[in-house]
Amino acid sequence: MPKGTRLPKNFRVYDFYDEKTGLVTSVKTLDTRTASRIKNPKQLYTSMKENIDKTVGFTKETKAGVTVTADMISKREVRIAIPKTTTPDQWEQINRAITYGAEKNVSVKITVVK
């Protein structure tokens, strides 16, 4: 993320805001290794959809003297880190959420971690 774009700690919905481009970014981790998410991969879609919907529904937040409003946003992004042990059934739900994000004009980027 570009230097100086980090929002104050506990800023609602977003973690980064780039004033120059109007890009807001929400950074999340998603543990796909829990028993319930292995048994019911649709939980991943539900969780990701909630994150996407929060970015779309964002209106305004002020924290530590920093204000971001919906009018200041030109692009929305959700970045999600997931374990490399994610199963094919889980990937199907993740890809479904990526498609949902695109339909809502939210870029969803996945990073696979160890």
PDB file of N, CA and C in Angstrom:
ATOM      1  N   MET A   1       0.846  -1.173   0.000  1.00  0.00           N
ATOM      2  CA  MET A   1       0.000   0.000   0.000  1.00  0.00           C
ATOM      3  C   MET A   1       0.899   1.248   0.000  1.00  0.00           C
ATOM      4  N   PRO A   2       0.481   2.270  -0.712  1.00  0.00           N
ATOM      5  CA  PRO A   2       1.297   3.490  -0.768  1.00  0.00           C
ATOM      6  C   PRO A   2       1.500   4.118   0.616  1.00  0.00           C
ATOM      7  N   LYS A   3       2.673   4.685   0.807  1.00  0.00           N
ATOM      8  CA  LYS A   3       3.007   5.334   2.072  1.00  0.00           C
ATOM      9  C   LYS A   3       2.000   6.447   2.384  1.00  0.00           C
ATOM     10  N   GLY A   4       1.617   6.524   3.644  1.00  0.00           N
ATOM     11  CA  GLY A   4       0.711   7.575   4.076  1.00  0.00           C
ATOM     12  C   GLY A   4      -0.764   7.295   3.840  1.00  0.00           C
ATOM     13  N   THR A   5      -1.095   6.075   3.422  1.00  0.00           N
ATOM     14  CA  THR A   5      -2.497   5.760   3.140  1.00  0.00           C
ATOM     15  C   THR A   5      -3.179   4.994   4.281  1.00  0.00           C
ATOM     16  N   ARG A   6      -2.411   4.607   5.296  1.00  0.00           N
ATOM     17  CA  ARG A   6      -2.970   3.836   6.415  1.00  0.00           C
ATOM     18  C   ARG A   6      -3.920   4.715   7.216  1.00  0.00           C
ATOM     19  N   LEU A   7      -5.114   4.222   7.434  1.00  0.00           N
ATOM     20  CA  LEU A   7      -6.097   4.941   8.243  1.00  0.00           C
ATOM     21  C   LEU A   7      -5.838   4.659   9.726  1.00  0.00           C
ATOM     22  N   PRO A   8      -6.357   5.500  10.624  1.00  0.00           N
ATOM     23  CA  PRO A   8      -6.147   5.272  12.060  1.00  0.00           C
ATOM     24  C   PRO A   8      -6.665   3.899  12.507  1.00  0.00           C
ATOM     25  N   LYS A   9      -6.055   3.388  13.556  1.00  0.00           N
ATOM     26  CA  LYS A   9      -6.442   2.091  14.123  1.00  0.00           C
ATOM     27  C   LYS A   9      -7.937   2.095  14.454  1.00  0.00           C
ATOM     28  N   ASN A  10      -8.592   0.978  14.183  1.00  0.00           N
ATOM     29  CA  ASN A  10     -10.029   0.771  14.436  1.00  0.00           C
ATOM     30  C   ASN A  10     -10.937   1.653  13.585  1.00  0.00           C
ATOM     31  N   PHE A  11     -10.431   2.135  12.457  1.00  0.00           N
ATOM     32  CA  PHE A  11     -11.278   2.876  11.520  1.00  0.00           C
ATOM     33  C   PHE A  11     -12.313   1.896  10.987  1.00  0.00           C
ATOM     34  N   ARG A  12     -13.568   2.305  10.950  1.00  0.00           N
ATOM     35  CA  ARG A  12     -14.655   1.410  10.554  1.00  0.00           C
ATOM     36  C   ARG A  12     -14.569   1.059   9.065  1.00  0.00           C
ATOM     37  N   VAL A  13     -14.677  -0.178   8.738  1.00  0.00           N
ATOM     38  CA  VAL A  13     -14.747  -0.768   7.401  1.00  0.00           C
ATOM     39  C   VAL A  13     -13.395  -0.788   6.682  1.00  0.00           C
ATOM     40  N   TYR A  14     -12.732   0.356   6.565  1.00  0.00           N
ATOM     41  CA  TYR A  14     -11.516   0.428   5.746  1.00  0.00           C
ATOM     42  C   TYR A  14     -10.248   0.528   6.578  1.00  0.00           C
ATOM     43  N   ASP A  15      -9.136   0.080   5.953  1.00  0.00           N
ATOM     44  CA  ASP A  15      -7.820   0.147   6.584  1.00  0.00           C
ATOM     45  C   ASP A  15      -6.906   1.156   5.893  1.00  0.00           C
ATOM     46  N   PHE A  16      -7.160   1.398   4.601  1.00  0.00           N
ATOM     47  CA  PHE A  16      -6.325   2.310   3.818  1.00  0.00           C
ATOM     48  C   PHE A  16      -7.197   3.210   2.953  1.00  0.00           C
ATOM     49  N   TYR A  17      -6.726   4.445   2.757  1.00  0.00           N
ATOM     50  CA  TYR A  17      -7.380   5.381   1.845  1.00  0.00           C
ATOM     51  C   TYR A  17      -6.299   6.169   1.121  1.00  0.00           C
ATOM     52  N   ASP A  18      -6.296   6.083  -0.206  1.00  0.00           N
ATOM     53  CA  ASP A  18      -5.348   6.821  -1.032  1.00  0.00           C
ATOM     54  C   ASP A  18      -6.042   8.072  -1.560  1.00  0.00           C
ATOM     55  N   GLU A  19      -5.670   9.216  -0.994  1.00  0.00           N
ATOM     56  CA  GLU A  19      -6.281  10.493  -1.368  1.00  0.00           C
ATOM     57  C   GLU A  19      -6.123  10.805  -2.855  1.00  0.00           C
ATOM     58  N   LYS A  20      -4.974  10.445  -3.417  1.00  0.00           N
ATOM     59  CA  LYS A  20      -4.684  10.766  -4.823  1.00  0.00           C
ATOM     60  C   LYS A  20      -5.600  10.023  -5.786  1.00  0.00           C
ATOM     61  N   THR A  21      -5.875   8.764  -5.480  1.00  0.00           N
ATOM     62  CA  THR A  21      -6.657   7.934  -6.408  1.00  0.00           C
ATOM     63  C   THR A  21      -8.103   7.715  -5.959  1.00  0.00           C
ATOM     64  N   GLY A  22      -8.397   7.995  -4.695  1.00  0.00           N
ATOM     65  CA  GLY A  22      -9.732   7.739  -4.163  1.00  0.00           C
ATOM     66  C   GLY A  22      -9.981   6.273  -3.851  1.00  0.00           C
ATOM     67  N   LEU A  23      -8.906   5.479  -3.822  1.00  0.00           N
ATOM     68  CA  LEU A  23      -9.025   4.045  -3.546  1.00  0.00           C
ATOM     69  C   LEU A  23      -9.081   3.796  -2.043  1.00  0.00           C
ATOM     70  N   VAL A  24     -10.120   3.084  -1.617  1.00  0.00           N
ATOM     71  CA  VAL A  24     -10.196   2.619  -0.233  1.00  0.00           C
ATOM     72  C   VAL A  24     -10.004   1.108  -0.226  1.00  0.00           C
ATOM     73  N   THR A  25      -9.297   0.635   0.798  1.00  0.00           N
ATOM     74  CA  THR A  25      -8.991  -0.787   0.878  1.00  0.00           C
ATOM     75  C   THR A  25      -9.314  -1.317   2.264  1.00  0.00           C
ATOM     76  N   SER A  26     -10.014  -2.431   2.280  1.00  0.00           N
ATOM     77  CA  SER A  26     -10.291  -3.173   3.504  1.00  0.00           C
ATOM     78  C   SER A  26      -9.429  -4.432   3.462  1.00  0.00           C
ATOM     79  N   VAL A  27      -8.672  -4.686   4.519  1.00  0.00           N
ATOM     80  CA  VAL A  27      -7.771  -5.836   4.564  1.00  0.00           C
ATOM     81  C   VAL A  27      -8.292  -6.824   5.602  1.00  0.00           C
ATOM     82  N   LYS A  28      -8.467  -8.063   5.168  1.00  0.00           N
ATOM     83  CA  LYS A  28      -9.030  -9.098   6.042  1.00  0.00           C
ATOM     84  C   LYS A  28      -8.210 -10.379   5.942  1.00  0.00           C
ATOM     85  N   THR A  29      -8.358 -11.225   6.950  1.00  0.00           N
ATOM     86  CA  THR A  29      -7.864 -12.598   6.877  1.00  0.00           C
ATOM     87  C   THR A  29      -9.076 -13.507   7.021  1.00  0.00           C
ATOM     88  N   LEU A  30      -8.991 -14.656   6.390  1.00  0.00           N
ATOM     89  CA  LEU A  30     -10.106 -15.595   6.429  1.00  0.00           C
ATOM     90  C   LEU A  30      -9.535 -16.987   6.667  1.00  0.00           C
ATOM     91  N   ASP A  31      -9.808 -17.542   7.841  1.00  0.00           N
ATOM     92  CA  ASP A  31      -9.303 -18.870   8.172  1.00  0.00           C
ATOM     93  C   ASP A  31     -10.233 -19.927   7.584  1.00  0.00           C
ATOM     94  N   THR A  32      -9.759 -20.569   6.537  1.00  0.00           N
ATOM     95  CA  THR A  32     -10.556 -21.602   5.865  1.00  0.00           C
ATOM     96  C   THR A  32     -10.376 -22.975   6.510  1.00  0.00           C
ATOM     97  N   ARG A  33      -9.529 -23.057   7.541  1.00  0.00           N
ATOM     98  CA  ARG A  33      -9.199 -24.353   8.134  1.00  0.00           C
ATOM     99  C   ARG A  33     -10.108 -24.754   9.285  1.00  0.00           C
ATOM    100  N   THR A  34     -11.084 -23.923   9.648  1.00  0.00           N
ATOM    101  CA  THR A  34     -11.969 -24.291  10.758  1.00  0.00           C
ATOM    102  C   THR A  34     -12.877 -25.448  10.331  1.00  0.00           C
ATOM    103  N   ALA A  35     -13.258 -26.263  11.292  1.00  0.00           N
ATOM    104  CA  ALA A  35     -14.103 -27.428  10.994  1.00  0.00           C
ATOM    105  C   ALA A  35     -15.401 -27.011  10.312  1.00  0.00           C
ATOM    106  N   SER A  36     -16.009 -25.932  10.789  1.00  0.00           N
ATOM    107  CA  SER A  36     -17.295 -25.513  10.217  1.00  0.00           C
ATOM    108  C   SER A  36     -17.137 -25.016   8.777  1.00  0.00           C
ATOM    109  N   ARG A  37     -16.030 -24.350   8.474  1.00  0.00           N
ATOM    110  CA  ARG A  37     -15.830 -23.844   7.109  1.00  0.00           C
ATOM    111  C   ARG A  37     -15.393 -24.945   6.143  1.00  0.00           C
ATOM    112  N   ILE A  38     -14.797 -25.988   6.678  1.00  0.00           N
ATOM    113  CA  ILE A  38     -14.466 -27.143   5.833  1.00  0.00           C
ATOM    114  C   ILE A  38     -15.750 -27.915   5.533  1.00  0.00           C
ATOM    115  N   LYS A  39     -16.577 -28.099   6.564  1.00  0.00           N
ATOM    116  CA  LYS A  39     -17.836 -28.832   6.405  1.00  0.00           C
ATOM    117  C   LYS A  39     -18.836 -28.050   5.550  1.00  0.00           C
ATOM    118  N   ASN A  40     -18.874 -26.728   5.725  1.00  0.00           N
ATOM    119  CA  ASN A  40     -19.834 -25.890   5.010  1.00  0.00           C
ATOM    120  C   ASN A  40     -19.107 -24.705   4.353  1.00  0.00           C
ATOM    121  N   PRO A  41     -18.505 -24.933   3.180  1.00  0.00           N
ATOM    122  CA  PRO A  41     -17.732 -23.884   2.510  1.00  0.00           C
ATOM    123  C   PRO A  41     -18.532 -22.622   2.184  1.00  0.00           C
ATOM    124  N   LYS A  42     -19.864 -22.728   2.137  1.00  0.00           N
ATOM    125  CA  LYS A  42     -20.685 -21.547   1.833  1.00  0.00           C
ATOM    126  C   LYS A  42     -20.519 -20.454   2.885  1.00  0.00           C
ATOM    127  N   GLN A  43     -20.033 -20.824   4.071  1.00  0.00           N
ATOM    128  CA  GLN A  43     -19.763 -19.826   5.107  1.00  0.00           C
ATOM    129  C   GLN A  43     -18.733 -18.804   4.626  1.00  0.00           C
ATOM    130  N   LEU A  44     -17.813 -19.248   3.782  1.00  0.00           N
ATOM    131  CA  LEU A  44     -16.797 -18.332   3.246  1.00  0.00           C
ATOM    132  C   LEU A  44     -17.455 -17.270   2.374  1.00  0.00           C
ATOM    133  N   TYR A  45     -18.357 -17.708   1.516  1.00  0.00           N
ATOM    134  CA  TYR A  45     -19.072 -16.755   0.662  1.00  0.00           C
ATOM    135  C   TYR A  45     -19.833 -15.746   1.516  1.00  0.00           C
ATOM    136  N   THR A  46     -20.532 -16.247   2.527  1.00  0.00           N
ATOM    137  CA  THR A  46     -21.324 -15.375   3.393  1.00  0.00           C
ATOM    138  C   THR A  46     -20.443 -14.335   4.080  1.00  0.00           C
ATOM    139  N   SER A  47     -19.311 -14.764   4.604  1.00  0.00           N
ATOM    140  CA  SER A  47     -18.394 -13.855   5.290  1.00  0.00           C
ATOM    141  C   SER A  47     -17.827 -12.808   4.330  1.00  0.00           C
ATOM    142  N   MET A  48     -17.401 -13.257   3.157  1.00  0.00           N
ATOM    143  CA  MET A  48     -16.840 -12.333   2.171  1.00  0.00           C
ATOM    144  C   MET A  48     -17.906 -11.365   1.663  1.00  0.00           C
ATOM    145  N   LYS A  49     -19.107 -11.865   1.452  1.00  0.00           N
ATOM    146  CA  LYS A  49     -20.209 -11.012   0.984  1.00  0.00           C
ATOM    147  C   LYS A  49     -20.496  -9.910   2.002  1.00  0.00           C
ATOM    148  N   GLU A  50     -20.474 -10.259   3.287  1.00  0.00           N
ATOM    149  CA  GLU A  50     -20.685  -9.255   4.338  1.00  0.00           C
ATOM    150  C   GLU A  50     -19.628  -8.162   4.266  1.00  0.00           C
ATOM    151  N   ASN A  51     -18.364  -8.563   4.062  1.00  0.00           N
ATOM    152  CA  ASN A  51     -17.285  -7.572   3.937  1.00  0.00           C
ATOM    153  C   ASN A  51     -17.503  -6.675   2.723  1.00  0.00           C
ATOM    154  N   ILE A  52     -17.895  -7.263   1.612  1.00  0.00           N
ATOM    155  CA  ILE A  52     -18.155  -6.493   0.388  1.00  0.00           C
ATOM    156  C   ILE A  52     -19.316  -5.531   0.615  1.00  0.00           C
ATOM    157  N   ASP A  53     -20.384  -6.021   1.207  1.00  0.00           N
ATOM    158  CA  ASP A  53     -21.559  -5.177   1.463  1.00  0.00           C
ATOM    159  C   ASP A  53     -21.228  -4.004   2.391  1.00  0.00           C
ATOM    160  N   LYS A  54     -20.363  -4.229   3.371  1.00  0.00           N
ATOM    161  CA  LYS A  54     -19.958  -3.139   4.263  1.00  0.00           C
ATOM    162  C   LYS A  54     -19.212  -2.054   3.490  1.00  0.00           C
ATOM    163  N   THR A  55     -18.377  -2.453   2.534  1.00  0.00           N
ATOM    164  CA  THR A  55     -17.647  -1.443   1.761  1.00  0.00           C
ATOM    165  C   THR A  55     -18.604  -0.636   0.898  1.00  0.00           C
ATOM    166  N   VAL A  56     -19.602  -1.297   0.335  1.00  0.00           N
ATOM    167  CA  VAL A  56     -20.582  -0.613  -0.515  1.00  0.00           C
ATOM    168  C   VAL A  56     -21.468   0.313   0.322  1.00  0.00           C
ATOM    169  N   GLY A  57     -21.827  -0.116   1.527  1.00  0.00           N
ATOM    170  CA  GLY A  57     -22.731   0.653   2.370  1.00  0.00           C
ATOM    171  C   GLY A  57     -22.072   1.754   3.189  1.00  0.00           C
ATOM    172  N   PHE A  58     -20.753   1.861   3.101  1.00  0.00           N
ATOM    173  CA  PHE A  58     -20.022   2.868   3.879  1.00  0.00           C
ATOM    174  C   PHE A  58     -20.472   4.274   3.507  1.00  0.00           C
ATOM    175  N   THR A  59     -20.707   5.106   4.524  1.00  0.00           N
ATOM    176  CA  THR A  59     -21.097   6.495   4.268  1.00  0.00           C
ATOM    177  C   THR A  59     -20.067   7.494   4.783  1.00  0.00           C
ATOM    178  N   LYS A  60     -19.648   7.345   6.055  1.00  0.00           N
ATOM    179  CA  LYS A  60     -18.706   8.310   6.621  1.00  0.00           C
ATOM    180  C   LYS A  60     -18.114   7.771   7.914  1.00  0.00           C
ATOM    181  N   GLU A  61     -16.856   8.107   8.159  1.00  0.00           N
ATOM    182  CA  GLU A  61     -16.197   7.770   9.423  1.00  0.00           C
ATOM    183  C   GLU A  61     -15.152   8.835   9.711  1.00  0.00           C
ATOM    184  N   THR A  62     -15.067   9.221  10.967  1.00  0.00           N
ATOM    185  CA  THR A  62     -14.006  10.116  11.429  1.00  0.00           C
ATOM    186  C   THR A  62     -13.346   9.464  12.629  1.00  0.00           C
ATOM    187  N   LYS A  63     -12.033   9.375  12.578  1.00  0.00           N
ATOM    188  CA  LYS A  63     -11.276   8.785  13.684  1.00  0.00           C
ATOM    189  C   LYS A  63      -9.924   9.487  13.732  1.00  0.00           C
ATOM    190  N   ALA A  64      -9.529   9.916  14.914  1.00  0.00           N
ATOM    191  CA  ALA A  64      -8.227  10.568  15.130  1.00  0.00           C
ATOM    192  C   ALA A  64      -8.002  11.723  14.151  1.00  0.00           C
ATOM    193  N   GLY A  65      -9.058  12.484  13.894  1.00  0.00           N
ATOM    194  CA  GLY A  65      -8.937  13.648  13.020  1.00  0.00           C
ATOM    195  C   GLY A  65      -8.944  13.350  11.534  1.00  0.00           C
ATOM    196  N   VAL A  66      -9.122  12.091  11.171  1.00  0.00           N
ATOM    197  CA  VAL A  66      -9.163  11.698   9.756  1.00  0.00           C
ATOM    198  C   VAL A  66     -10.603  11.358   9.391  1.00  0.00           C
ATOM    199  N   THR A  67     -11.104  11.999   8.339  1.00  0.00           N
ATOM    200  CA  THR A  67     -12.465  11.747   7.868  1.00  0.00           C
ATOM    201  C   THR A  67     -12.427  11.196   6.454  1.00  0.00           C
ATOM    202  N   VAL A  68     -13.205  10.154   6.229  1.00  0.00           N
ATOM    203  CA  VAL A  68     -13.425   9.628   4.881  1.00  0.00           C
ATOM    204  C   VAL A  68     -14.937   9.565   4.693  1.00  0.00           C
ATOM    205  N   THR A  69     -15.411  10.098   3.571  1.00  0.00           N
ATOM    206  CA  THR A  69     -16.834  10.037   3.239  1.00  0.00           C
ATOM    207  C   THR A  69     -17.004   9.276   1.929  1.00  0.00           C
ATOM    208  N   ALA A  70     -18.200   8.811   1.681  1.00  0.00           N
ATOM    209  CA  ALA A  70     -18.487   8.072   0.445  1.00  0.00           C
ATOM    210  C   ALA A  70     -18.162   8.913  -0.787  1.00  0.00           C
ATOM    211  N   ASP A  71     -18.357  10.229  -0.701  1.00  0.00           N
ATOM    212  CA  ASP A  71     -18.070  11.120  -1.834  1.00  0.00           C
ATOM    213  C   ASP A  71     -16.590  11.152  -2.195  1.00  0.00           C
ATOM    214  N   MET A  72     -15.724  10.824  -1.241  1.00  0.00           N
ATOM    215  CA  MET A  72     -14.279  10.860  -1.466  1.00  0.00           C
ATOM    216  C   MET A  72     -13.767   9.579  -2.125  1.00  0.00           C
ATOM    217  N   ILE A  73     -14.633   8.581  -2.248  1.00  0.00           N
ATOM    218  CA  ILE A  73     -14.233   7.256  -2.727  1.00  0.00           C
ATOM    219  C   ILE A  73     -14.559   7.095  -4.205  1.00  0.00           C
ATOM    220  N   SER A  74     -13.538   6.699  -4.984  1.00  0.00           N
ATOM    221  CA  SER A  74     -13.784   6.417  -6.399  1.00  0.00           C
ATOM    222  C   SER A  74     -13.635   4.928  -6.717  1.00  0.00           C
ATOM    223  N   LYS A  75     -12.864   4.210  -5.869  1.00  0.00           N
ATOM    224  CA  LYS A  75     -12.661   2.777  -6.080  1.00  0.00           C
ATOM    225  C   LYS A  75     -12.638   2.076  -4.730  1.00  0.00           C
ATOM    226  N   ARG A  76     -13.257   0.888  -4.691  1.00  0.00           N
ATOM    227  CA  ARG A  76     -13.296   0.092  -3.465  1.00  0.00           C
ATOM    228  C   ARG A  76     -12.585  -1.239  -3.698  1.00  0.00           C
ATOM    229  N   GLU A  77     -11.849  -1.655  -2.670  1.00  0.00           N
ATOM    230  CA  GLU A  77     -11.091  -2.893  -2.784  1.00  0.00           C
ATOM    231  C   GLU A  77     -11.143  -3.638  -1.452  1.00  0.00           C
ATOM    232  N   VAL A  78     -11.304  -4.954  -1.532  1.00  0.00           N
ATOM    233  CA  VAL A  78     -11.212  -5.814  -0.358  1.00  0.00           C
ATOM    234  C   VAL A  78     -10.076  -6.796  -0.631  1.00  0.00           C
ATOM    235  N   ARG A  79      -9.094  -6.802   0.246  1.00  0.00           N
ATOM    236  CA  ARG A  79      -7.972  -7.742   0.132  1.00  0.00           C
ATOM    237  C   ARG A  79      -8.107  -8.768   1.242  1.00  0.00           C
ATOM    238  N   ILE A  80      -8.073 -10.033   0.849  1.00  0.00           N
ATOM    239  CA  ILE A  80      -8.287 -11.110   1.814  1.00  0.00           C
ATOM    240  C   ILE A  80      -7.147 -12.113   1.720  1.00  0.00           C
ATOM    241  N   ALA A  81      -6.551 -12.424   2.873  1.00  0.00           N
ATOM    242  CA  ALA A  81      -5.509 -13.445   2.949  1.00  0.00           C
ATOM    243  C   ALA A  81      -6.155 -14.751   3.393  1.00  0.00           C
ATOM    244  N   ILE A  82      -5.825 -15.821   2.657  1.00  0.00           N
ATOM    245  CA  ILE A  82      -6.359 -17.142   3.004  1.00  0.00           C
ATOM    246  C   ILE A  82      -5.221 -18.164   3.000  1.00  0.00           C
ATOM    247  N   PRO A  83      -5.356 -19.238   3.767  1.00  0.00           N
ATOM    248  CA  PRO A  83      -4.322 -20.268   3.819  1.00  0.00           C
ATOM    249  C   PRO A  83      -4.208 -21.042   2.501  1.00  0.00           C
ATOM    250  N   LYS A  84      -2.995 -21.504   2.218  1.00  0.00           N
ATOM    251  CA  LYS A  84      -2.788 -22.267   0.983  1.00  0.00           C
ATOM    252  C   LYS A  84      -3.487 -23.622   1.019  1.00  0.00           C
ATOM    253  N   THR A  85      -3.911 -24.062   2.204  1.00  0.00           N
ATOM    254  CA  THR A  85      -4.599 -25.354   2.342  1.00  0.00           C
ATOM    255  C   THR A  85      -6.092 -25.261   2.029  1.00  0.00           C
ATOM    256  N   THR A  86      -6.539 -24.140   1.507  1.00  0.00           N
ATOM    257  CA  THR A  86      -7.943 -23.952   1.143  1.00  0.00           C
ATOM    258  C   THR A  86      -8.354 -25.011   0.118  1.00  0.00           C
ATOM    259  N   THR A  87      -9.506 -25.633   0.331  1.00  0.00           N
ATOM    260  CA  THR A  87      -9.957 -26.740  -0.519  1.00  0.00           C
ATOM    261  C   THR A  87     -10.603 -26.237  -1.815  1.00  0.00           C
ATOM    262  N   PRO A  88     -10.707 -27.109  -2.826  1.00  0.00           N
ATOM    263  CA  PRO A  88     -11.383 -26.716  -4.074  1.00  0.00           C
ATOM    264  C   PRO A  88     -12.828 -26.251  -3.853  1.00  0.00           C
ATOM    265  N   ASP A  89     -13.569 -26.923  -2.960  1.00  0.00           N
ATOM    266  CA  ASP A  89     -14.947 -26.493  -2.670  1.00  0.00           C
ATOM    267  C   ASP A  89     -14.970 -25.093  -2.064  1.00  0.00           C
ATOM    268  N   GLN A  90     -13.989 -24.802  -1.230  1.00  0.00           N
ATOM    269  CA  GLN A  90     -13.893 -23.473  -0.636  1.00  0.00           C
ATOM    270  C   GLN A  90     -13.530 -22.434  -1.699  1.00  0.00           C
ATOM    271  N   TRP A  91     -12.617 -22.798  -2.600  1.00  0.00           N
ATOM    272  CA  TRP A  91     -12.242 -21.877  -3.684  1.00  0.00           C
ATOM    273  C   TRP A  91     -13.447 -21.530  -4.552  1.00  0.00           C
ATOM    274  N   GLU A  92     -14.323 -22.498  -4.729  1.00  0.00           N
ATOM    275  CA  GLU A  92     -15.537 -22.239  -5.508  1.00  0.00           C
ATOM    276  C   GLU A  92     -16.351 -21.105  -4.870  1.00  0.00           C
ATOM    277  N   GLN A  93     -16.471 -21.132  -3.553  1.00  0.00           N
ATOM    278  CA  GLN A  93     -17.218 -20.091  -2.838  1.00  0.00           C
ATOM    279  C   GLN A  93     -16.466 -18.754  -2.843  1.00  0.00           C
ATOM    280  N   ILE A  94     -15.151 -18.819  -2.744  1.00  0.00           N
ATOM    281  CA  ILE A  94     -14.334 -17.601  -2.806  1.00  0.00           C
ATOM    282  C   ILE A  94     -14.489 -16.946  -4.173  1.00  0.00           C
ATOM    283  N   ASN A  95     -14.424 -17.743  -5.226  1.00  0.00           N
ATOM    284  CA  ASN A  95     -14.593 -17.201  -6.584  1.00  0.00           C
ATOM    285  C   ASN A  95     -15.998 -16.634  -6.787  1.00  0.00           C
ATOM    286  N   ARG A  96     -16.971 -17.258  -6.175  1.00  0.00           N
ATOM    287  CA  ARG A  96     -18.343 -16.739  -6.221  1.00  0.00           C
ATOM    288  C   ARG A  96     -18.405 -15.346  -5.580  1.00  0.00           C
ATOM    289  N   ALA A  97     -17.709 -15.177  -4.461  1.00  0.00           N
ATOM    290  CA  ALA A  97     -17.675 -13.878  -3.773  1.00  0.00           C
ATOM    291  C   ALA A  97     -16.915 -12.840  -4.599  1.00  0.00           C
ATOM    292  N   ILE A  98     -15.863 -13.253  -5.285  1.00  0.00           N
ATOM    293  CA  ILE A  98     -15.120 -12.332  -6.156  1.00  0.00           C
ATOM    294  C   ILE A  98     -16.048 -11.814  -7.255  1.00  0.00           C
ATOM    295  N   THR A  99     -16.846 -12.703  -7.827  1.00  0.00           N
ATOM    296  CA  THR A  99     -17.816 -12.311  -8.854  1.00  0.00           C
ATOM    297  C   THR A  99     -18.852 -11.356  -8.277  1.00  0.00           C
ATOM    298  N   TYR A 100     -19.338 -11.655  -7.080  1.00  0.00           N
ATOM    299  CA  TYR A 100     -20.298 -10.771  -6.416  1.00  0.00           C
ATOM    300  C   TYR A 100     -19.685  -9.383  -6.220  1.00  0.00           C
ATOM    301  N   GLY A 101     -18.443  -9.344  -5.783  1.00  0.00           N
ATOM    302  CA  GLY A 101     -17.755  -8.072  -5.597  1.00  0.00           C
ATOM    303  C   GLY A 101     -17.688  -7.278  -6.890  1.00  0.00           C
ATOM    304  N   ALA A 102     -17.354  -7.951  -7.982  1.00  0.00           N
ATOM    305  CA  ALA A 102     -17.273  -7.277  -9.285  1.00  0.00           C
ATOM    306  C   ALA A 102     -18.627  -6.685  -9.672  1.00  0.00           C
ATOM    307  N   GLU A 103     -19.695  -7.412  -9.376  1.00  0.00           N
ATOM    308  CA  GLU A 103     -21.049  -6.913  -9.669  1.00  0.00           C
ATOM    309  C   GLU A 103     -21.373  -5.654  -8.863  1.00  0.00           C
ATOM    310  N   LYS A 104     -20.730  -5.502  -7.698  1.00  0.00           N
ATOM    311  CA  LYS A 104     -20.951  -4.342  -6.824  1.00  0.00           C
ATOM    312  C   LYS A 104     -19.857  -3.280  -7.007  1.00  0.00           C
ATOM    313  N   ASN A 105     -19.023  -3.445  -8.027  1.00  0.00           N
ATOM    314  CA  ASN A 105     -17.894  -2.535  -8.287  1.00  0.00           C
ATOM    315  C   ASN A 105     -16.885  -2.509  -7.145  1.00  0.00           C
ATOM    316  N   VAL A 106     -16.670  -3.666  -6.539  1.00  0.00           N
ATOM    317  CA  VAL A 106     -15.660  -3.825  -5.495  1.00  0.00           C
ATOM    318  C   VAL A 106     -14.650  -4.851  -5.993  1.00  0.00           C
ATOM    319  N   SER A 107     -13.398  -4.446  -6.069  1.00  0.00           N
ATOM    320  CA  SER A 107     -12.339  -5.358  -6.478  1.00  0.00           C
ATOM    321  C   SER A 107     -11.966  -6.232  -5.281  1.00  0.00           C
ATOM    322  N   VAL A 108     -12.030  -7.545  -5.459  1.00  0.00           N
ATOM    323  CA  VAL A 108     -11.670  -8.477  -4.390  1.00  0.00           C
ATOM    324  C   VAL A 108     -10.368  -9.159  -4.795  1.00  0.00           C
ATOM    325  N   LYS A 109      -9.337  -8.974  -3.978  1.00  0.00           N
ATOM    326  CA  LYS A 109      -8.021  -9.550  -4.260  1.00  0.00           C
ATOM    327  C   LYS A 109      -7.678 -10.551  -3.171  1.00  0.00           C
ATOM    328  N   ILE A 110      -7.258 -11.735  -3.607  1.00  0.00           N
ATOM    329  CA  ILE A 110      -6.932 -12.816  -2.685  1.00  0.00           C
ATOM    330  C   ILE A 110      -5.422 -13.005  -2.644  1.00  0.00           C
ATOM    331  N   THR A 111      -4.887 -13.139  -1.441  1.00  0.00           N
ATOM    332  CA  THR A 111      -3.481 -13.475  -1.246  1.00  0.00           C
ATOM    333  C   THR A 111      -3.438 -14.800  -0.503  1.00  0.00           C
ATOM    334  N   VAL A 112      -2.719 -15.764  -1.060  1.00  0.00           N
ATOM    335  CA  VAL A 112      -2.583 -17.066  -0.419  1.00  0.00           C
ATOM    336  C   VAL A 112      -1.358 -17.014   0.493  1.00  0.00           C
ATOM    337  N   VAL A 113      -1.558 -17.404   1.750  1.00  0.00           N
ATOM    338  CA  VAL A 113      -0.481 -17.381   2.739  1.00  0.00           C
ATOM    339  C   VAL A 113      -0.236 -18.785   3.269  1.00  0.00           C
ATOM    340  N   LYS A 114       0.910 -18.973   3.900  1.00  0.00           N
ATOM    341  CA  LYS A 114       1.282 -20.293   4.421  1.00  0.00           C
ATOM    342  C   LYS A 114       0.409 -20.748   5.551  1.00  0.00           C
TER     343      LYS A 114
END
